[in-house]
Amino acid sequence: MVFSPPERVRGPLISRLEAIESRIVRACERAGRPRSAVTLVAVSKTYPASAIREAMAAGVRHFGENRVQELKQKVEEIPGGLAGGEAVWHMIGHIQRNKVRDVVACADAVHSVDSLRLAEELNDRALAAGRHIPCFVQVNVSGEASKFGLDPEALDPLLAGLAPLDGLQVQGFMTLASPAANPESVRPEFRMLREFYEQARTRYAHLAGMHALSMGMSGDFEVAIEEGATHVRIGSALFGSRS
């Protein structure tokens, strides 16, 4: 959806959203892609429900949370698609297997599948709930030990193991790039994820329908779009500095 705020809705958040939208449009133009190819996922971690409602009033619909408990609380206040609400809630943080039941009950999509055991647990819980949950495989392309995500060397066994998991709708891949003062320095990481994604679509029949790359955040989303991102996860650039 192309952002078009109502004239009556103004404020710092709206100004930041307009600036982000302009940057997304220009990045899409440079990449020869339509604006509609990119979904803005507003990362609402630590921000209050009032900020989310302000963003929704301006046309934002997709929101990302890192922590399961915070996701649960916010979904209770602002229902997502599962409850017939207008928000679309993305679980973008690491998931412990004992939290999978809550994730399946709250999240419209999951961006952080990083092991076959987690995928199997999500699958079982989703099927028990009558769901086919959209998900992304998280790959650690930066090689940083502090980041979650699958090592590239372990990617093929996981992808093969997804074949029988009918409760999962694998949309594509997700990554967190290295912190960088110059976004150009992480372009190779985004490109690497895209290459893994393209290879997987060719190699695995059950993944041929993948169509999404979740990559790029406040500091590097333009480069990510140029490298094929379909979902950019933007928090502080939209909502302001976190306290």
Protein backbone atom coordinates (compact mmCIF):
# COMPACT_ATOMS: atom_id res chain seq x y z
CA MET A 1 0.00 0.00 0.00
CA VAL A 2 1.30 3.46 -0.87
CA PHE A 3 1.23 5.77 2.14
CA SER A 4 -1.22 8.65 1.85
CA PRO A 5 -2.01 10.25 5.22
CA PRO A 6 -5.25 12.08 5.87
CA GLU A 7 -4.67 15.83 5.91
CA ARG A 8 -6.12 16.09 9.39
CA VAL A 9 -3.47 13.75 10.80
CA ARG A 10 -0.22 15.64 11.49
CA GLY A 11 2.61 15.44 13.98
CA PRO A 12 6.22 14.28 14.31
CA LEU A 13 5.36 10.68 13.48
CA ILE A 14 3.63 11.75 10.29
CA SER A 15 6.61 13.81 9.20
CA ARG A 16 8.92 10.86 9.80
CA LEU A 17 6.57 8.55 7.93
CA GLU A 18 6.45 10.89 4.95
CA ALA A 19 10.26 10.99 4.86
CA ILE A 20 10.47 7.17 5.05
CA GLU A 21 7.87 6.81 2.32
CA SER A 22 9.80 9.17 0.06
CA ARG A 23 12.98 7.16 0.61
CA ILE A 24 11.19 3.88 -0.11
CA VAL A 25 9.77 5.29 -3.34
CA ARG A 26 13.17 6.52 -4.51
CA ALA A 27 14.84 3.19 -3.65
CA CYS A 28 12.15 1.34 -5.60
CA GLU A 29 12.69 3.64 -8.58
CA ARG A 30 16.44 3.01 -8.52
CA ALA A 31 15.80 -0.73 -8.44
CA GLY A 32 13.17 -0.60 -11.19
CA ARG A 33 10.52 -1.98 -8.83
CA PRO A 34 6.99 -0.76 -8.08
CA ARG A 35 6.35 0.83 -4.70
CA SER A 36 3.71 -1.84 -4.09
CA ALA A 37 6.47 -4.49 -3.99
CA VAL A 38 7.67 -3.31 -0.56
CA THR A 39 5.81 -3.65 2.76
CA LEU A 40 6.72 -1.33 5.59
CA VAL A 41 6.71 -3.28 8.86
CA ALA A 42 6.72 -0.72 11.67
CA VAL A 43 8.78 -2.17 14.52
CA SER A 44 6.75 -1.17 17.55
CA LYS A 45 8.94 -2.79 20.24
CA THR A 46 8.77 -0.70 23.47
CA TYR A 47 6.48 1.93 21.90
CA PRO A 48 3.02 2.42 23.43
CA ALA A 49 -0.26 1.44 21.84
CA SER A 50 -1.01 5.14 21.33
CA ALA A 51 1.92 5.42 18.90
CA ILE A 52 0.70 2.37 17.01
CA ARG A 53 -2.79 3.85 16.74
CA GLU A 54 -1.32 7.10 15.43
CA ALA A 55 0.59 5.16 12.78
CA MET A 56 -2.56 3.23 11.86
CA ALA A 57 -4.48 6.49 11.47
CA ALA A 58 -1.86 7.48 8.90
CA GLY A 59 -2.28 4.26 6.95
CA VAL A 60 0.34 1.91 8.44
CA ARG A 61 -1.02 -1.61 8.93
CA HIS A 62 1.96 -3.92 9.50
CA PHE A 63 3.71 -3.97 12.89
CA GLY A 64 6.61 -6.04 14.19
CA GLU A 65 7.37 -7.15 17.73
CA ASN A 66 10.52 -8.80 19.12
CA ARG A 67 9.19 -10.20 22.38
CA VAL A 68 6.31 -12.62 22.69
CA GLN A 69 4.90 -11.15 25.91
CA GLU A 70 4.83 -7.64 24.45
CA LEU A 71 3.21 -8.99 21.29
CA LYS A 72 0.46 -10.61 23.38
CA GLN A 73 -0.23 -7.40 25.28
CA LYS A 74 -0.43 -5.25 22.17
CA VAL A 75 -2.62 -7.69 20.27
CA GLU A 76 -5.08 -7.55 23.15
CA GLU A 77 -5.26 -3.75 22.75
CA ILE A 78 -5.02 -3.62 18.95
CA PRO A 79 -6.37 -6.82 17.36
CA GLY A 80 -4.65 -8.22 14.33
CA GLY A 81 -5.96 -10.13 11.36
CA LEU A 82 -6.50 -13.31 13.38
CA ALA A 83 -9.15 -11.50 15.42
CA GLY A 84 -10.61 -9.60 12.48
CA GLY A 85 -8.67 -6.42 13.25
CA GLU A 86 -6.99 -4.07 10.81
CA ALA A 87 -3.43 -4.51 12.12
CA VAL A 88 -1.11 -7.20 10.80
CA TRP A 89 1.23 -8.43 13.53
CA HIS A 90 4.66 -9.83 12.62
CA MET A 91 6.75 -11.73 15.18
CA ILE A 92 10.27 -10.71 14.20
CA GLY A 93 12.27 -11.73 17.29
CA HIS A 94 13.77 -14.99 18.48
CA ILE A 95 11.19 -17.53 19.65
CA GLN A 96 11.73 -20.04 22.43
CA ARG A 97 9.82 -23.24 21.79
CA ASN A 98 7.83 -22.87 25.01
CA LYS A 99 6.42 -19.61 23.59
CA VAL A 100 5.22 -21.07 20.30
CA ARG A 101 1.63 -21.55 21.47
CA ASP A 102 1.36 -17.81 22.23
CA VAL A 103 2.96 -16.86 18.92
CA VAL A 104 0.53 -19.00 16.95
CA ALA A 105 -2.37 -17.44 18.88
CA CYS A 106 -1.23 -13.84 18.25
CA ALA A 107 1.04 -13.41 15.25
CA ASP A 108 -0.24 -13.06 11.71
CA ALA A 109 3.25 -13.92 10.43
CA VAL A 110 6.58 -15.13 11.85
CA HIS A 111 9.94 -13.87 10.53
CA SER A 112 12.30 -15.84 12.76
CA VAL A 113 12.23 -19.58 11.99
CA ASP A 114 15.84 -20.58 12.66
CA SER A 115 15.76 -24.31 13.41
CA LEU A 116 13.89 -27.40 12.29
CA ARG A 117 12.75 -28.07 15.86
CA LEU A 118 11.14 -24.64 16.02
CA ALA A 119 9.58 -25.14 12.58
CA GLU A 120 8.11 -28.47 13.66
CA GLU A 121 6.71 -26.97 16.87
CA LEU A 122 5.18 -24.05 14.94
CA ASN A 123 3.72 -26.51 12.44
CA ASP A 124 2.14 -28.70 15.11
CA ARG A 125 0.67 -25.75 16.99
CA ALA A 126 -0.57 -24.12 13.80
CA LEU A 127 -2.33 -27.27 12.63
CA ALA A 128 -3.88 -27.76 16.08
CA ALA A 129 -5.21 -24.20 15.85
CA GLY A 130 -6.49 -24.71 12.31
CA ARG A 131 -3.89 -22.33 10.88
CA HIS A 132 -1.37 -22.27 8.06
CA ILE A 133 1.00 -19.65 9.40
CA PRO A 134 3.06 -17.46 7.05
CA CYS A 135 6.72 -17.62 8.03
CA PHE A 136 10.25 -16.66 7.01
CA VAL A 137 13.46 -18.63 7.51
CA GLN A 138 15.98 -16.48 9.38
CA VAL A 139 19.54 -16.74 8.07
CA ASN A 140 22.59 -15.28 9.81
CA VAL A 141 24.45 -13.83 6.83
CA SER A 142 26.62 -11.53 8.96
CA GLY A 143 28.30 -14.40 10.81
CA GLU A 144 27.98 -12.56 14.12
CA ALA A 145 27.72 -14.92 17.09
CA SER A 146 25.46 -12.42 18.87
CA LYS A 147 22.76 -12.72 16.20
CA PHE A 148 20.12 -15.38 15.92
CA GLY A 149 19.51 -17.08 12.62
CA LEU A 150 20.62 -20.17 10.81
CA ASP A 151 24.23 -20.52 9.69
CA PRO A 152 24.27 -20.72 5.89
CA GLU A 153 25.94 -24.14 6.10
CA ALA A 154 22.90 -25.48 7.98
CA LEU A 155 20.36 -23.99 5.59
CA ASP A 156 19.84 -26.93 3.22
CA PRO A 157 18.91 -29.51 5.92
CA LEU A 158 16.33 -27.10 7.34
CA LEU A 159 14.85 -26.30 3.95
CA ALA A 160 14.54 -29.98 3.09
CA GLY A 161 12.90 -30.64 6.45
CA LEU A 162 10.18 -28.06 5.78
CA ALA A 163 8.64 -30.15 2.99
CA PRO A 164 6.15 -32.13 5.09
CA LEU A 165 5.15 -29.25 7.39
CA ASP A 166 1.74 -28.34 6.03
CA GLY A 167 1.00 -25.89 8.83
CA LEU A 168 3.67 -23.49 7.57
CA GLN A 169 3.44 -21.22 4.55
CA VAL A 170 7.08 -20.39 3.85
CA GLN A 171 7.12 -16.89 2.38
CA GLY A 172 10.87 -16.44 2.05
CA PHE A 173 13.98 -15.54 4.04
CA MET A 174 14.82 -12.97 6.70
CA THR A 175 18.10 -11.56 8.00
CA LEU A 176 19.64 -8.92 10.27
CA ALA A 177 22.61 -7.21 8.67
CA SER A 178 25.74 -6.15 10.53
CA PRO A 179 25.67 -2.73 12.23
CA ALA A 180 27.27 -0.26 9.84
CA ALA A 181 27.80 3.48 9.61
CA ASN A 182 27.73 3.18 5.82
CA PRO A 183 24.77 1.13 4.52
CA GLU A 184 26.76 0.26 1.40
CA SER A 185 29.03 -1.92 3.51
CA VAL A 186 26.18 -4.37 4.20
CA ARG A 187 24.98 -4.60 0.60
CA PRO A 188 26.90 -7.90 0.15
CA GLU A 189 24.97 -9.41 3.07
CA PHE A 190 21.61 -8.53 1.54
CA ARG A 191 22.80 -9.81 -1.81
CA MET A 192 23.91 -13.06 -0.19
CA LEU A 193 20.46 -13.60 1.32
CA ARG A 194 18.83 -12.96 -2.05
CA GLU A 195 21.12 -15.51 -3.68
CA PHE A 196 20.30 -18.13 -1.03
CA TYR A 197 16.60 -17.40 -1.59
CA GLU A 198 16.82 -17.72 -5.37
CA GLN A 199 18.78 -20.97 -5.10
CA ALA A 200 16.23 -22.41 -2.67
CA ARG A 201 13.31 -21.60 -4.96
CA THR A 202 15.04 -23.48 -7.76
CA ARG A 203 16.31 -26.41 -5.69
CA TYR A 204 13.23 -27.24 -3.60
CA ALA A 205 9.86 -27.78 -5.25
CA HIS A 206 8.00 -27.06 -2.00
CA LEU A 207 9.66 -23.61 -1.85
CA ALA A 208 9.13 -22.59 -5.47
CA GLY A 209 6.29 -20.30 -4.41
CA MET A 210 8.42 -18.21 -2.04
CA HIS A 211 8.09 -14.52 -2.86
CA ALA A 212 9.46 -12.49 0.04
CA LEU A 213 12.69 -11.19 1.56
CA SER A 214 12.48 -9.57 4.99
CA MET A 215 15.63 -7.45 5.29
CA GLY A 216 16.60 -3.88 5.99
CA MET A 217 15.99 -1.69 9.03
CA SER A 218 16.08 2.01 9.86
CA GLY A 219 19.72 2.50 8.90
CA ASP A 220 19.95 0.40 5.76
CA PHE A 221 16.51 -0.22 4.29
CA GLU A 222 17.18 1.62 1.04
CA VAL A 223 20.09 -0.65 0.15
CA ALA A 224 17.97 -3.66 1.16
CA ILE A 225 15.20 -2.56 -1.23
CA GLU A 226 17.72 -2.17 -4.03
CA GLU A 227 18.81 -5.76 -3.33
CA GLY A 228 15.27 -7.15 -3.42
CA ALA A 229 13.70 -6.65 0.02
CA THR A 230 9.91 -7.04 0.05
CA HIS A 231 9.56 -6.30 3.79
CA VAL A 232 11.58 -3.61 5.56
CA ARG A 233 11.44 -3.46 9.35
CA ILE A 234 11.64 0.15 10.55
CA GLY A 235 11.33 1.24 14.17
CA SER A 236 13.23 4.26 15.47
CA ALA A 237 13.20 6.11 12.14
CA LEU A 238 9.41 6.05 12.35
CA PHE A 239 8.53 6.18 16.02
CA GLY A 240 11.53 8.17 17.28
CA SER A 241 14.35 7.25 19.65
CA ARG A 242 13.62 4.55 22.19
CA SER A 243 14.01 5.51 25.85
